Amino acid sequence: MPSLRYERELFTRGFTRVVGVDEVGMASLAGPVVAAAVVVTPEVKLIRRVRDSKLLTRKEREDLVPLIRARVTRVGIGAASVREIDRLNIYHASHVAMQRALRQLGEFDHVLVDGRRILDPAFVPGRHTEIVRGDAKSFAIAAASIVAKVTRDTLMARLSLRYPGYGWEHNAGYPTIDHRTAIRERGVTTIHRRDFGTVRILLAAEQIELALAEV
């Protein structure tokens, strides 16, 4: 269960505006990668139901978002587009999304980031701490993961109205069986990440079929 252990350690060092940041959509075949950042201060109180967003149901996450927004000081949302993911790769694009979320917060003292060592120069050494499986350990990171997940799921549901038949309203663009089947049957949309292996393979299959049809 996430706790305020990491946040309190920073509070005792004199940091009063601690940020938790996390991203979602890294393994999706379609749509942007979305990051959320939340600011907590020494007065923050734990929300016991907050945990890694992947362990919660959709309704649980949606119910928690207003509670999180009421409990934390500020919330920032950032995203990197499909075009940026294909151009930069998903690792660097996720950091772009995180930085955009952080820029919405104004001033802060220290950032807690979910994941392993970050080499992106935009994350200044000494001003951030990486925590492996941070969304299972830090309340601020777990809260950010829930906000990011609900934000991205809502966006993918809206995109499903423009591109029906891919199941984005329930699979959020991840490589589920129904999504992969839809890509084979309907083709690749402009929202799909063309640099991702599964999408590349299906695109190549489309091109082979077109070439054979012309013979």
Protein backbone atom coordinates (compact mmCIF):
# COMPACT_ATOMS: atom_id res chain seq x y z
CA MET A 1 0.00 0.00 0.00
CA PRO A 2 1.34 3.45 -0.84
CA SER A 3 2.30 5.62 2.12
CA LEU A 4 3.67 9.11 2.78
CA ARG A 5 7.07 7.75 3.80
CA TYR A 6 9.01 9.26 0.89
CA GLU A 7 7.11 12.52 1.04
CA ARG A 8 7.71 12.89 4.79
CA GLU A 9 11.42 12.22 4.38
CA LEU A 10 11.53 15.19 2.00
CA PHE A 11 9.39 17.33 4.31
CA THR A 12 11.91 16.76 7.13
CA ARG A 13 14.65 18.04 4.79
CA GLY A 14 12.80 21.30 4.37
CA PHE A 15 10.97 20.61 1.10
CA THR A 16 7.38 21.80 1.41
CA ARG A 17 6.10 21.29 -2.16
CA VAL A 18 6.72 17.68 -3.16
CA VAL A 19 5.47 16.39 -6.51
CA GLY A 20 4.50 12.87 -7.49
CA VAL A 21 4.50 12.22 -11.24
CA ASP A 22 3.54 9.18 -13.29
CA GLU A 23 2.59 8.35 -16.86
CA VAL A 24 0.21 5.90 -18.53
CA GLY A 25 -0.07 4.48 -22.01
CA MET A 26 3.51 3.29 -22.51
CA ALA A 27 2.48 -0.11 -23.92
CA SER A 28 -0.57 1.04 -25.83
CA LEU A 29 -0.68 0.59 -29.61
CA ALA A 30 -2.66 3.78 -30.12
CA GLY A 31 -3.13 7.23 -28.66
CA PRO A 32 -0.88 9.57 -26.72
CA VAL A 33 1.12 8.88 -23.59
CA VAL A 34 -0.35 10.92 -20.72
CA ALA A 35 1.32 12.05 -17.49
CA ALA A 36 -0.08 13.59 -14.34
CA ALA A 37 1.73 15.43 -11.57
CA VAL A 38 0.35 16.28 -8.14
CA VAL A 39 1.76 18.56 -5.44
CA VAL A 40 1.55 17.56 -1.78
CA THR A 41 2.54 19.64 1.25
CA PRO A 42 3.25 18.64 4.87
CA GLU A 43 -0.45 19.06 5.70
CA VAL A 44 -1.54 16.36 3.22
CA LYS A 45 -3.61 13.46 4.55
CA LEU A 46 -3.48 9.96 3.10
CA ILE A 47 -6.43 8.58 1.13
CA ARG A 48 -6.41 4.92 2.08
CA ARG A 49 -8.00 3.70 -1.16
CA VAL A 50 -5.32 5.30 -3.32
CA ARG A 51 -2.94 2.75 -4.78
CA ASP A 52 -1.37 1.70 -8.10
CA SER A 53 -4.05 2.57 -10.67
CA LYS A 54 -3.69 -0.86 -12.31
CA LEU A 55 -5.04 -2.50 -9.14
CA LEU A 56 -8.26 -0.48 -9.19
CA THR A 57 -11.40 -0.86 -11.26
CA ARG A 58 -12.41 1.88 -13.69
CA LYS A 59 -15.18 3.05 -11.32
CA GLU A 60 -12.84 3.06 -8.31
CA ARG A 61 -10.37 5.24 -10.21
CA GLU A 62 -13.07 7.62 -11.40
CA ASP A 63 -14.49 7.95 -7.88
CA LEU A 64 -11.04 8.70 -6.46
CA VAL A 65 -10.09 11.52 -8.84
CA PRO A 66 -12.26 14.23 -7.19
CA LEU A 67 -11.03 13.11 -3.75
CA ILE A 68 -7.42 13.35 -4.92
CA ARG A 69 -7.97 16.80 -6.44
CA ALA A 70 -9.50 17.97 -3.15
CA ARG A 71 -6.66 16.55 -1.05
CA VAL A 72 -3.57 17.62 -3.03
CA THR A 73 -2.45 21.21 -3.61
CA ARG A 74 -2.23 21.27 -7.42
CA VAL A 75 -2.62 18.90 -10.36
CA GLY A 76 -0.91 19.11 -13.76
CA ILE A 77 -1.64 17.04 -16.88
CA GLY A 78 0.69 16.59 -19.85
CA ALA A 79 0.73 14.44 -22.97
CA ALA A 80 2.93 13.51 -25.90
CA SER A 81 1.24 12.86 -29.22
CA VAL A 82 1.42 9.78 -31.44
CA ARG A 83 3.62 11.75 -33.84
CA GLU A 84 6.02 12.62 -31.01
CA ILE A 85 6.07 8.99 -29.85
CA ASP A 86 6.97 7.79 -33.35
CA ARG A 87 9.62 10.52 -33.72
CA LEU A 88 11.23 10.42 -30.26
CA ASN A 89 10.40 6.82 -29.15
CA ILE A 90 8.10 6.04 -26.25
CA TYR A 91 10.78 6.43 -23.54
CA HIS A 92 11.63 10.02 -24.46
CA ALA A 93 8.02 10.88 -25.30
CA SER A 94 6.94 9.81 -21.81
CA HIS A 95 9.44 12.29 -20.35
CA VAL A 96 8.06 15.02 -22.60
CA ALA A 97 4.59 14.29 -21.19
CA MET A 98 5.95 14.40 -17.63
CA GLN A 99 7.70 17.72 -18.19
CA ARG A 100 4.52 19.22 -19.65
CA ALA A 101 2.59 18.08 -16.57
CA LEU A 102 5.24 19.56 -14.28
CA ARG A 103 5.21 22.90 -16.09
CA GLN A 104 1.53 23.31 -15.18
CA LEU A 105 2.30 23.26 -11.47
CA GLY A 106 4.26 26.46 -11.03
CA GLU A 107 6.92 26.35 -8.30
CA PHE A 108 7.81 23.09 -6.53
CA ASP A 109 10.76 21.72 -4.57
CA HIS A 110 11.27 18.06 -5.40
CA VAL A 111 9.80 15.42 -7.73
CA LEU A 112 9.14 11.75 -6.98
CA VAL A 113 9.08 9.79 -10.24
CA ASP A 114 7.84 6.27 -10.84
CA GLY A 115 10.51 4.10 -12.48
CA ARG A 116 14.20 3.46 -12.74
CA ARG A 117 17.03 5.89 -13.42
CA ILE A 118 16.03 8.78 -15.68
CA LEU A 119 18.77 10.04 -17.98
CA ASP A 120 16.73 12.83 -19.54
CA PRO A 121 18.64 16.11 -18.86
CA ALA A 122 15.31 17.88 -18.28
CA PHE A 123 15.14 16.07 -14.93
CA VAL A 124 17.70 18.00 -12.90
CA PRO A 125 19.87 15.82 -10.59
CA GLY A 126 19.07 16.55 -6.96
CA ARG A 127 15.57 17.79 -7.75
CA HIS A 128 14.00 14.42 -8.42
CA THR A 129 14.06 10.90 -6.97
CA GLU A 130 13.26 7.77 -8.95
CA ILE A 131 11.34 5.07 -7.09
CA VAL A 132 11.00 1.62 -8.64
CA ARG A 133 7.32 0.64 -8.48
CA GLY A 134 6.70 4.06 -7.03
CA ASP A 135 2.97 3.86 -7.68
CA ALA A 136 2.85 1.04 -5.12
CA LYS A 137 4.98 2.90 -2.54
CA SER A 138 4.41 6.65 -2.72
CA PHE A 139 1.01 8.24 -2.15
CA ALA A 140 1.82 11.19 -4.44
CA ILE A 141 2.93 8.93 -7.30
CA ALA A 142 -0.07 6.62 -6.85
CA ALA A 143 -2.41 9.62 -6.88
CA ALA A 144 -0.76 10.88 -10.07
CA SER A 145 -1.10 7.45 -11.68
CA ILE A 146 -4.86 7.43 -11.02
CA VAL A 147 -5.38 10.94 -12.42
CA ALA A 148 -3.30 10.09 -15.50
CA LYS A 149 -5.14 6.81 -16.09
CA VAL A 150 -8.62 8.34 -15.83
CA THR A 151 -7.58 11.25 -18.06
CA ARG A 152 -6.19 8.96 -20.76
CA ASP A 153 -9.07 6.46 -20.59
CA THR A 154 -11.54 9.32 -21.06
CA LEU A 155 -9.56 10.61 -24.05
CA MET A 156 -9.40 7.16 -25.67
CA ALA A 157 -13.16 6.71 -25.16
CA ARG A 158 -13.73 10.00 -26.99
CA LEU A 159 -11.39 8.93 -29.80
CA SER A 160 -13.36 5.68 -30.11
CA LEU A 161 -16.34 7.73 -31.30
CA ARG A 162 -14.22 9.06 -34.17
CA TYR A 163 -12.66 5.66 -34.89
CA PRO A 164 -15.29 3.06 -33.94
CA GLY A 165 -14.68 -0.66 -33.96
CA TYR A 166 -11.27 -0.77 -32.24
CA GLY A 167 -12.67 -1.04 -28.72
CA TRP A 168 -10.74 1.93 -27.35
CA GLU A 169 -13.62 2.73 -25.02
CA HIS A 170 -12.70 -0.38 -23.02
CA ASN A 171 -9.15 -1.40 -24.07
CA ALA A 172 -7.72 2.17 -24.16
CA GLY A 173 -5.60 1.22 -27.17
CA TYR A 174 -3.70 -1.63 -25.51
CA PRO A 175 -2.91 -4.78 -27.55
CA THR A 176 -5.93 -6.83 -26.52
CA ILE A 177 -7.20 -9.58 -28.81
CA ASP A 178 -10.15 -7.51 -29.99
CA HIS A 179 -7.91 -4.52 -30.74
CA ARG A 180 -5.39 -6.58 -32.73
CA THR A 181 -8.24 -8.25 -34.63
CA ALA A 182 -9.76 -4.86 -35.46
CA ILE A 183 -6.43 -3.60 -36.80
CA ARG A 184 -6.18 -6.62 -39.09
CA GLU A 185 -9.76 -6.19 -40.29
CA ARG A 186 -10.03 -2.38 -40.42
CA GLY A 187 -6.43 -1.29 -40.89
CA VAL A 188 -4.24 1.21 -39.05
CA THR A 189 -5.60 4.67 -38.15
CA THR A 190 -3.74 7.95 -37.73
CA ILE A 191 -4.01 7.40 -33.98
CA HIS A 192 -1.96 4.18 -34.08
CA ARG A 193 1.72 4.24 -33.19
CA ARG A 194 3.33 3.14 -36.43
CA ASP A 195 6.73 2.57 -34.86
CA PHE A 196 5.39 -0.08 -32.46
CA GLY A 197 6.17 -3.69 -33.40
CA THR A 198 2.62 -5.04 -33.63
CA VAL A 199 1.44 -2.07 -35.69
CA ARG A 200 4.53 -2.28 -37.95
CA ILE A 201 3.89 -5.96 -38.63
CA LEU A 202 0.24 -5.33 -39.50
CA LEU A 203 1.19 -2.39 -41.73
CA ALA A 204 3.69 -4.60 -43.56
CA ALA A 205 0.99 -7.25 -44.02
CA GLU A 206 -1.32 -4.59 -45.50
CA GLN A 207 1.37 -3.51 -47.96
CA ILE A 208 2.03 -7.11 -49.02
CA GLU A 209 -1.71 -7.67 -49.62
CA LEU A 210 -1.92 -4.49 -51.70
CA ALA A 211 1.13 -5.52 -53.75
CA LEU A 212 -0.33 -8.97 -54.42
CA ALA A 213 -3.68 -7.46 -55.42
CA GLU A 214 -1.92 -5.37 -58.07
CA VAL A 215 -0.12 -8.36 -59.61
